[in-house]
């Protein structure tokens, strides 16, 4: 193999190309690669932070939902208690109204009974007077009086 001028020129050109590439081309490419690596690492770190923030947000959301459920239970219990109080008040009010009406009905019945008694007394007095008139109209006879009193009793 002969070393000739072409091989020497190609070697010099290759050395110059490698030096030029390492001096001017390689550093911007390496800095771009390093910047990209840093950006990727930052993105991965941000993704990890996002994952942890998401997990933390989920736990906080669960806490908020649990607190809201507990508050809702409290509201439902309070409403149920209030409803029971209203029902009890209505029952007692109904009982009072029932008792008032019963008392009113009893007093009306008592008035009606007294009125009926007064009417009955008036009728008995009228019958007694009628019976006395019949007895006096007839002659005084014990058998006739007894018969008349029996009819009078039957009329009553």
N, C-alpha and C. Protein backbone atom coordinates (compact mmCIF):
# COMPACT_ATOMS: atom_id res chain seq x y z
N UNK A 1 0.81 -1.15 0.00
CA UNK A 1 0.00 0.00 0.00
C UNK A 1 0.87 1.24 0.00
N UNK A 2 0.53 2.09 -0.79
CA UNK A 2 1.31 3.31 -0.93
C UNK A 2 0.60 4.44 -0.20
N UNK A 3 1.36 5.17 0.51
CA UNK A 3 0.80 6.37 1.13
C UNK A 3 1.05 7.47 0.13
N UNK A 4 0.05 7.96 -0.36
CA UNK A 4 0.23 9.02 -1.33
C UNK A 4 -0.41 10.29 -0.81
N UNK A 5 -0.35 11.27 -1.62
CA UNK A 5 -0.79 12.60 -1.23
C UNK A 5 -2.30 12.63 -1.03
N UNK A 6 -3.05 11.84 -1.69
CA UNK A 6 -4.50 11.82 -1.56
C UNK A 6 -4.87 11.32 -0.17
N UNK A 7 -4.21 10.29 0.25
CA UNK A 7 -4.50 9.74 1.58
C UNK A 7 -4.14 10.75 2.65
N UNK A 8 -3.02 11.44 2.47
CA UNK A 8 -2.59 12.47 3.41
C UNK A 8 -3.57 13.63 3.41
N UNK A 9 -4.09 14.04 2.27
CA UNK A 9 -5.08 15.13 2.16
C UNK A 9 -6.39 14.73 2.82
N UNK A 10 -6.77 13.49 2.59
CA UNK A 10 -8.02 13.03 3.21
C UNK A 10 -7.87 12.95 4.72
N UNK A 11 -6.71 12.58 5.21
CA UNK A 11 -6.48 12.50 6.66
C UNK A 11 -6.53 13.89 7.26
N UNK A 12 -5.88 14.86 6.59
CA UNK A 12 -5.89 16.24 7.09
C UNK A 12 -7.31 16.79 7.05
N UNK A 13 -8.02 16.52 5.98
CA UNK A 13 -9.41 16.99 5.87
C UNK A 13 -10.27 16.36 6.97
N UNK A 14 -10.03 15.10 7.25
CA UNK A 14 -10.81 14.43 8.27
C UNK A 14 -10.48 14.99 9.64
N UNK A 15 -9.21 15.26 9.91
CA UNK A 15 -8.80 15.83 11.20
C UNK A 15 -9.39 17.23 11.34
N UNK A 16 -9.33 18.02 10.26
CA UNK A 16 -9.92 19.37 10.28
C UNK A 16 -11.44 19.28 10.51
N UNK A 17 -12.11 18.33 9.86
CA UNK A 17 -13.56 18.16 9.99
C UNK A 17 -13.91 17.76 11.43
N UNK A 18 -13.14 16.85 12.03
CA UNK A 18 -13.39 16.42 13.40
C UNK A 18 -13.16 17.59 14.35
N UNK A 19 -12.02 18.33 14.17
CA UNK A 19 -11.75 19.49 15.04
C UNK A 19 -12.85 20.54 14.91
N UNK A 20 -13.25 20.88 13.68
CA UNK A 20 -14.30 21.87 13.44
C UNK A 20 -15.62 21.41 14.08
N UNK A 21 -15.95 20.16 13.89
CA UNK A 21 -17.18 19.62 14.44
C UNK A 21 -17.16 19.68 15.97
N UNK A 22 -16.02 19.29 16.58
CA UNK A 22 -15.92 19.30 18.04
C UNK A 22 -15.87 20.71 18.59
N UNK A 23 -15.36 21.65 17.85
CA UNK A 23 -15.22 23.03 18.32
C UNK A 23 -16.51 23.81 18.12
N UNK A 24 -17.16 23.71 17.00
CA UNK A 24 -18.28 24.59 16.69
C UNK A 24 -19.66 23.89 16.62
N UNK A 25 -19.68 22.65 16.24
CA UNK A 25 -20.97 21.98 16.04
C UNK A 25 -21.35 21.17 17.29
N UNK A 26 -20.38 20.46 17.83
CA UNK A 26 -20.67 19.58 18.95
C UNK A 26 -21.18 20.32 20.20
N UNK A 27 -20.61 21.44 20.66
CA UNK A 27 -21.09 22.11 21.88
C UNK A 27 -22.57 22.56 21.78
N UNK A 28 -23.03 23.20 20.68
CA UNK A 28 -24.47 23.55 20.67
C UNK A 28 -25.38 22.32 20.68
N UNK A 29 -24.94 21.25 19.99
CA UNK A 29 -25.74 20.02 19.98
C UNK A 29 -25.79 19.44 21.39
N UNK A 30 -24.67 19.39 22.10
CA UNK A 30 -24.61 18.87 23.46
C UNK A 30 -25.42 19.74 24.42
N UNK A 31 -25.32 21.08 24.27
CA UNK A 31 -26.10 21.95 25.15
C UNK A 31 -27.60 21.78 24.87
N UNK A 32 -28.00 21.59 23.61
CA UNK A 32 -29.40 21.34 23.29
C UNK A 32 -29.86 20.02 23.88
N UNK A 33 -28.99 18.99 23.80
CA UNK A 33 -29.33 17.68 24.37
C UNK A 33 -29.45 17.80 25.89
N UNK A 34 -28.50 18.52 26.54
CA UNK A 34 -28.56 18.69 27.98
C UNK A 34 -29.80 19.50 28.39
N UNK A 35 -30.11 20.54 27.61
CA UNK A 35 -31.32 21.33 27.90
C UNK A 35 -32.56 20.46 27.77
N UNK A 36 -32.58 19.63 26.76
CA UNK A 36 -33.72 18.73 26.57
C UNK A 36 -33.81 17.73 27.72
N UNK A 37 -32.66 17.21 28.19
CA UNK A 37 -32.65 16.29 29.32
C UNK A 37 -33.18 16.98 30.59
N UNK A 38 -32.76 18.24 30.78
CA UNK A 38 -33.24 19.00 31.94
C UNK A 38 -34.75 19.24 31.82
N UNK A 39 -35.21 19.57 30.62
CA UNK A 39 -36.65 19.80 30.41
C UNK A 39 -37.44 18.52 30.66
N UNK A 40 -36.90 17.41 30.18
CA UNK A 40 -37.57 16.13 30.40
C UNK A 40 -37.59 15.80 31.89
N UNK A 41 -36.46 15.99 32.58
CA UNK A 41 -36.39 15.73 34.02
C UNK A 41 -37.37 16.63 34.77
N UNK A 42 -37.42 17.93 34.37
CA UNK A 42 -38.39 18.83 35.01
C UNK A 42 -39.82 18.39 34.74
N UNK A 43 -40.09 17.95 33.53
CA UNK A 43 -41.43 17.46 33.20
C UNK A 43 -41.80 16.23 34.01
N UNK A 44 -40.84 15.31 34.15
CA UNK A 44 -41.10 14.12 34.96
C UNK A 44 -41.31 14.48 36.43
N UNK A 45 -40.52 15.43 36.93
CA UNK A 45 -40.69 15.88 38.32
C UNK A 45 -42.05 16.56 38.49
N UNK A 46 -42.41 17.38 37.49
CA UNK A 46 -43.72 18.03 37.55
C UNK A 46 -44.84 17.00 37.49
N UNK A 47 -44.66 15.96 36.69
CA UNK A 47 -45.66 14.90 36.61
C UNK A 47 -45.79 14.18 37.95
N UNK A 48 -44.63 13.92 38.59
CA UNK A 48 -44.67 13.29 39.90
C UNK A 48 -45.34 14.20 40.93
N UNK A 49 -45.01 15.51 40.86
CA UNK A 49 -45.67 16.45 41.77
C UNK A 49 -47.17 16.49 41.48
N UNK A 50 -47.52 16.45 40.21
CA UNK A 50 -48.93 16.45 39.83
C UNK A 50 -49.65 15.21 40.35
N UNK A 51 -48.97 14.07 40.26
CA UNK A 51 -49.55 12.83 40.78
C UNK A 51 -49.76 12.93 42.30
N UNK A 52 -48.75 13.45 43.00
CA UNK A 52 -48.89 13.58 44.46
C UNK A 52 -49.96 14.62 44.80
N UNK A 53 -49.99 15.73 44.04
CA UNK A 53 -51.04 16.75 44.26
C UNK A 53 -52.42 16.16 43.99
N UNK A 54 -52.52 15.33 42.96
CA UNK A 54 -53.79 14.68 42.63
C UNK A 54 -54.22 13.75 43.76
N UNK A 55 -53.28 12.97 44.27
CA UNK A 55 -53.60 12.07 45.38
C UNK A 55 -54.02 12.87 46.61
N UNK A 56 -53.30 13.96 46.87
CA UNK A 56 -53.65 14.82 48.01
C UNK A 56 -55.02 15.46 47.79
N UNK A 57 -55.30 15.90 46.57
CA UNK A 57 -56.60 16.50 46.28
C UNK A 57 -57.71 15.46 46.43
N UNK A 58 -57.44 14.21 46.02
CA UNK A 58 -58.44 13.16 46.19
C UNK A 58 -58.74 12.92 47.67
N UNK A 59 -57.70 12.86 48.50
CA UNK A 59 -57.93 12.65 49.93
C UNK A 59 -58.68 13.84 50.54
N UNK A 60 -58.34 15.05 50.13
CA UNK A 60 -59.07 16.22 50.63
C UNK A 60 -60.51 16.21 50.15
N UNK A 61 -60.71 15.80 48.89
CA UNK A 61 -62.08 15.72 48.37
C UNK A 61 -62.88 14.67 49.14
N UNK A 62 -62.25 13.55 49.45
CA UNK A 62 -62.93 12.52 50.25
C UNK A 62 -63.28 13.04 51.63
N UNK A 63 -62.35 13.82 52.23
CA UNK A 63 -62.63 14.41 53.54
C UNK A 63 -63.80 15.38 53.45
N UNK A 64 -63.81 16.20 52.40
CA UNK A 64 -64.89 17.17 52.23
C UNK A 64 -66.21 16.46 52.01
N UNK A 65 -66.20 15.41 51.19
CA UNK A 65 -67.42 14.64 50.94
C UNK A 65 -67.90 13.98 52.23
N UNK A 66 -66.97 13.42 53.01
CA UNK A 66 -67.35 12.80 54.28
C UNK A 66 -67.94 13.84 55.23
N UNK A 67 -67.32 15.02 55.28
CA UNK A 67 -67.86 16.08 56.13
C UNK A 67 -69.24 16.51 55.65
N UNK A 68 -69.41 16.60 54.33
CA UNK A 68 -70.72 16.99 53.78
C UNK A 68 -71.77 15.92 54.10
N UNK A 69 -71.38 14.65 53.99
CA UNK A 69 -72.32 13.57 54.33
C UNK A 69 -72.70 13.63 55.80
N UNK A 70 -71.71 13.88 56.64
CA UNK A 70 -71.98 13.99 58.08
C UNK A 70 -72.91 15.17 58.36
N UNK A 71 -72.65 16.28 57.69
CA UNK A 71 -73.51 17.45 57.86
C UNK A 71 -74.92 17.14 57.34
N UNK A 72 -75.01 16.43 56.23
CA UNK A 72 -76.32 16.06 55.69
C UNK A 72 -77.05 15.15 56.66
N UNK A 73 -76.32 14.19 57.26
CA UNK A 73 -76.94 13.32 58.26
C UNK A 73 -77.46 14.15 59.43
N UNK A 74 -76.65 15.11 59.85
CA UNK A 74 -77.08 15.98 60.95
C UNK A 74 -78.33 16.76 60.59
N UNK A 75 -78.37 17.27 59.37
CA UNK A 75 -79.55 18.03 58.92
C UNK A 75 -80.76 17.11 58.86
N UNK A 76 -80.57 15.90 58.33
CA UNK A 76 -81.69 14.95 58.24
C UNK A 76 -82.17 14.57 59.65
N UNK A 77 -81.22 14.33 60.57
CA UNK A 77 -81.61 14.01 61.95
C UNK A 77 -82.36 15.17 62.59
N UNK A 78 -81.86 16.38 62.35
CA UNK A 78 -82.51 17.56 62.91
C UNK A 78 -83.91 17.72 62.32
N UNK A 79 -84.04 17.51 61.01
CA UNK A 79 -85.36 17.62 60.36
C UNK A 79 -86.29 16.53 60.89
N UNK A 80 -85.77 15.33 61.07
CA UNK A 80 -86.58 14.24 61.60
C UNK A 80 -87.03 14.56 63.02
N UNK A 81 -86.13 15.08 63.82
CA UNK A 81 -86.48 15.46 65.18
C UNK A 81 -87.54 16.55 65.19
N UNK A 82 -87.36 17.52 64.31
CA UNK A 82 -88.34 18.62 64.21
C UNK A 82 -89.69 18.08 63.75
N UNK A 83 -89.68 17.15 62.80
CA UNK A 83 -90.93 16.55 62.32
C UNK A 83 -91.62 15.79 63.45
N UNK A 84 -90.83 15.05 64.23
CA UNK A 84 -91.41 14.33 65.37
C UNK A 84 -92.00 15.30 66.39
N UNK A 85 -91.31 16.42 66.62
CA UNK A 85 -91.83 17.43 67.53
C UNK A 85 -93.14 18.00 67.02
N UNK A 86 -93.20 18.27 65.72
CA UNK A 86 -94.42 18.81 65.12
C UNK A 86 -95.55 17.80 65.24
N UNK A 87 -95.24 16.53 64.98
CA UNK A 87 -96.26 15.48 65.09
C UNK A 87 -96.76 15.38 66.53
N UNK A 88 -95.84 15.42 67.48
CA UNK A 88 -96.23 15.34 68.88
C UNK A 88 -97.08 16.54 69.27
N UNK A 89 -96.70 17.73 68.80
CA UNK A 89 -97.49 18.93 69.09
C UNK A 89 -98.88 18.81 68.48
N UNK A 90 -98.95 18.30 67.25
CA UNK A 90 -100.25 18.13 66.60
C UNK A 90 -101.09 17.11 67.34
N UNK A 91 -100.46 16.03 67.82
CA UNK A 91 -101.19 15.02 68.59
C UNK A 91 -101.76 15.63 69.87
N UNK A 92 -100.92 16.36 70.59
CA UNK A 92 -101.40 16.96 71.84
C UNK A 92 -102.48 17.99 71.56
N UNK A 93 -102.31 18.75 70.49
CA UNK A 93 -103.34 19.72 70.10
C UNK A 93 -104.63 19.01 69.72
N UNK A 94 -104.52 17.90 69.02
CA UNK A 94 -105.69 17.10 68.65
C UNK A 94 -106.37 16.52 69.88
N UNK A 95 -105.57 16.04 70.82
CA UNK A 95 -106.14 15.51 72.07
C UNK A 95 -106.87 16.62 72.82
N UNK A 96 -106.29 17.81 72.87
CA UNK A 96 -106.94 18.92 73.55
C UNK A 96 -108.25 19.28 72.86
N UNK A 97 -108.23 19.30 71.52
CA UNK A 97 -109.45 19.61 70.76
C UNK A 97 -110.50 18.53 71.00
N UNK A 98 -110.06 17.27 71.00
CA UNK A 98 -110.99 16.17 71.26
C UNK A 98 -111.61 16.32 72.64
N UNK A 99 -110.79 16.61 73.64
CA UNK A 99 -111.30 16.76 75.00
C UNK A 99 -112.26 17.95 75.08
N UNK A 100 -111.95 19.03 74.41
CA UNK A 100 -112.82 20.21 74.41
C UNK A 100 -114.16 19.86 73.78
N UNK A 101 -114.13 19.14 72.66
CA UNK A 101 -115.37 18.75 72.00
C UNK A 101 -116.18 17.78 72.86
N UNK A 102 -115.48 16.84 73.51
CA UNK A 102 -116.17 15.91 74.41
C UNK A 102 -116.85 16.66 75.55
N UNK A 103 -116.13 17.60 76.13
CA UNK A 103 -116.70 18.39 77.21
C UNK A 103 -117.91 19.18 76.72
N UNK A 104 -117.80 19.76 75.55
CA UNK A 104 -118.91 20.51 74.97
C UNK A 104 -120.10 19.60 74.72
N UNK A 105 -119.85 18.41 74.16
CA UNK A 105 -120.93 17.45 73.89
C UNK A 105 -121.57 16.99 75.19
N UNK A 106 -120.75 16.75 76.20
CA UNK A 106 -121.29 16.32 77.50
C UNK A 106 -122.18 17.41 78.10
N UNK A 107 -121.73 18.66 77.99
CA UNK A 107 -122.55 19.74 78.55
C UNK A 107 -123.86 19.88 77.76
N UNK A 108 -123.80 19.71 76.42
CA UNK A 108 -125.01 19.75 75.62
C UNK A 108 -125.96 18.61 75.99
N UNK A 109 -125.38 17.42 76.20
CA UNK A 109 -126.18 16.26 76.59
C UNK A 109 -126.83 16.53 77.95
N UNK A 110 -126.07 17.09 78.86
CA UNK A 110 -126.60 17.41 80.19
C UNK A 110 -127.76 18.40 80.09
N UNK A 111 -127.58 19.41 79.22
CA UNK A 111 -128.65 20.39 79.02
C UNK A 111 -129.89 19.70 78.44
N UNK A 112 -129.68 18.83 77.45
CA UNK A 112 -130.80 18.11 76.83
C UNK A 112 -131.49 17.20 77.84
N UNK A 113 -130.71 16.53 78.69
CA UNK A 113 -131.29 15.65 79.72
C UNK A 113 -132.15 16.47 80.68
N UNK A 114 -131.60 17.61 81.11
CA UNK A 114 -132.36 18.46 82.04
C UNK A 114 -133.64 18.97 81.39
N UNK A 115 -133.55 19.37 80.12
CA UNK A 115 -134.73 19.84 79.39
C UNK A 115 -135.76 18.72 79.27
N UNK A 116 -135.29 17.49 78.95
CA UNK A 116 -136.20 16.35 78.83
C UNK A 116 -136.84 16.04 80.17
N UNK A 117 -136.08 16.13 81.25
CA UNK A 117 -136.63 15.89 82.59
C UNK A 117 -137.71 16.93 82.91
N UNK A 118 -137.40 18.19 82.58
CA UNK A 118 -138.39 19.24 82.84
C UNK A 118 -139.68 18.98 82.06
N UNK A 119 -139.51 18.57 80.78
CA UNK A 119 -140.70 18.26 79.97
C UNK A 119 -141.46 17.07 80.56
N UNK A 120 -140.70 16.06 80.99
CA UNK A 120 -141.32 14.88 81.57
C UNK A 120 -142.07 15.23 82.86
N UNK A 121 -141.45 16.05 83.68
CA UNK A 121 -142.11 16.49 84.91
C UNK A 121 -143.41 17.22 84.60
N UNK A 122 -143.33 18.11 83.57
CA UNK A 122 -144.53 18.85 83.19
C UNK A 122 -145.60 17.89 82.71
N UNK A 123 -145.22 16.87 81.92
CA UNK A 123 -146.19 15.90 81.41
C UNK A 123 -146.76 15.05 82.55
N UNK A 124 -145.88 14.64 83.48
CA UNK A 124 -146.33 13.84 84.62
C UNK A 124 -147.31 14.66 85.46
N UNK A 125 -146.97 15.94 85.64
CA UNK A 125 -147.88 16.80 86.41
C UNK A 125 -149.22 16.93 85.71
N UNK A 126 -149.18 17.08 84.38
CA UNK A 126 -150.43 17.19 83.62
C UNK A 126 -151.22 15.90 83.72
N UNK A 127 -150.55 14.75 83.63
CA UNK A 127 -151.23 13.46 83.73
C UNK A 127 -151.80 13.28 85.13
N UNK A 128 -151.01 13.69 86.13
CA UNK A 128 -151.48 13.56 87.51
C UNK A 128 -152.72 14.42 87.73
N UNK A 129 -152.70 15.62 87.18
CA UNK A 129 -153.87 16.50 87.31
C UNK A 129 -155.06 15.89 86.58
N UNK A 130 -154.79 15.33 85.39
CA UNK A 130 -155.88 14.70 84.63
C UNK A 130 -156.43 13.51 85.41
N UNK A 131 -155.53 12.72 85.98
CA UNK A 131 -155.95 11.57 86.77
C UNK A 131 -156.75 12.01 87.99
N UNK A 132 -156.30 13.07 88.64
CA UNK A 132 -157.01 13.58 89.81
C UNK A 132 -158.38 14.08 89.42
N UNK A 133 -158.49 14.72 88.26
CA UNK A 133 -159.79 15.21 87.78
C UNK A 133 -160.73 14.03 87.53
N UNK A 134 -160.22 12.95 86.94
CA UNK A 134 -161.05 11.77 86.66
C UNK A 134 -161.51 11.12 87.97
N UNK A 135 -160.56 11.06 88.92
CA UNK A 135 -160.90 10.44 90.20
C UNK A 135 -161.98 11.27 90.89
N UNK A 136 -161.82 12.57 90.84
CA UNK A 136 -162.80 13.42 91.50
C UNK A 136 -164.13 13.42 90.74
N UNK A 137 -164.07 13.21 89.43
CA UNK A 137 -165.28 13.20 88.63
C UNK A 137 -166.12 11.98 88.97
N UNK A 138 -165.52 10.91 89.32
CA UNK A 138 -166.25 9.70 89.65
C UNK A 138 -166.57 9.70 91.12
N UNK A 139 -167.33 8.80 91.46
CA UNK A 139 -167.63 8.70 92.88
C UNK A 139 -166.47 8.02 93.58
N UNK A 140 -166.38 8.14 94.77
CA UNK A 140 -165.26 7.60 95.51
C UNK A 140 -165.53 6.12 95.74
N UNK A 141 -164.69 5.30 95.04
CA UNK A 141 -164.81 3.86 95.15
C UNK A 141 -163.38 3.32 95.07
N UNK A 142 -162.99 2.42 95.98
CA UNK A 142 -161.61 1.93 96.06
C UNK A 142 -161.25 1.12 94.83
N UNK A 143 -162.15 0.26 94.37
CA UNK A 143 -161.87 -0.54 93.18
C UNK A 143 -161.75 0.36 91.96
N UNK A 144 -162.61 1.32 91.85
CA UNK A 144 -162.55 2.24 90.71
C UNK A 144 -161.27 3.06 90.78
N UNK A 145 -160.87 3.46 91.96
CA UNK A 145 -159.62 4.24 92.12
C UNK A 145 -158.43 3.39 91.71
N UNK A 146 -158.43 2.13 92.13
CA UNK A 146 -157.32 1.24 91.80
C UNK A 146 -157.27 1.03 90.29
N UNK A 147 -158.39 0.81 89.68
CA UNK A 147 -158.46 0.62 88.23
C UNK A 147 -157.98 1.89 87.52
N UNK A 148 -158.38 3.00 87.98
CA UNK A 148 -157.99 4.28 87.38
C UNK A 148 -156.50 4.53 87.54
N UNK A 149 -155.97 4.20 88.71
CA UNK A 149 -154.53 4.39 88.94
C UNK A 149 -153.72 3.43 88.06
N UNK A 150 -154.24 2.22 87.85
CA UNK A 150 -153.54 1.27 86.96
C UNK A 150 -153.49 1.79 85.54
N UNK A 151 -154.58 2.35 85.06
CA UNK A 151 -154.59 2.94 83.70
C UNK A 151 -153.65 4.14 83.62
N UNK A 152 -153.63 4.93 84.70
CA UNK A 152 -152.75 6.09 84.76
C UNK A 152 -151.28 5.66 84.70
N UNK A 153 -150.97 4.58 85.44
CA UNK A 153 -149.60 4.07 85.42
C UNK A 153 -149.24 3.53 84.05
N UNK A 154 -150.22 2.93 83.37
CA UNK A 154 -149.97 2.41 82.04
C UNK A 154 -149.71 3.57 81.07
N UNK A 155 -150.38 4.70 81.28
CA UNK A 155 -150.15 5.87 80.42
C UNK A 155 -148.75 6.43 80.61
N UNK A 156 -148.23 6.38 81.81
CA UNK A 156 -146.91 6.92 82.08
C UNK A 156 -145.87 6.05 81.45
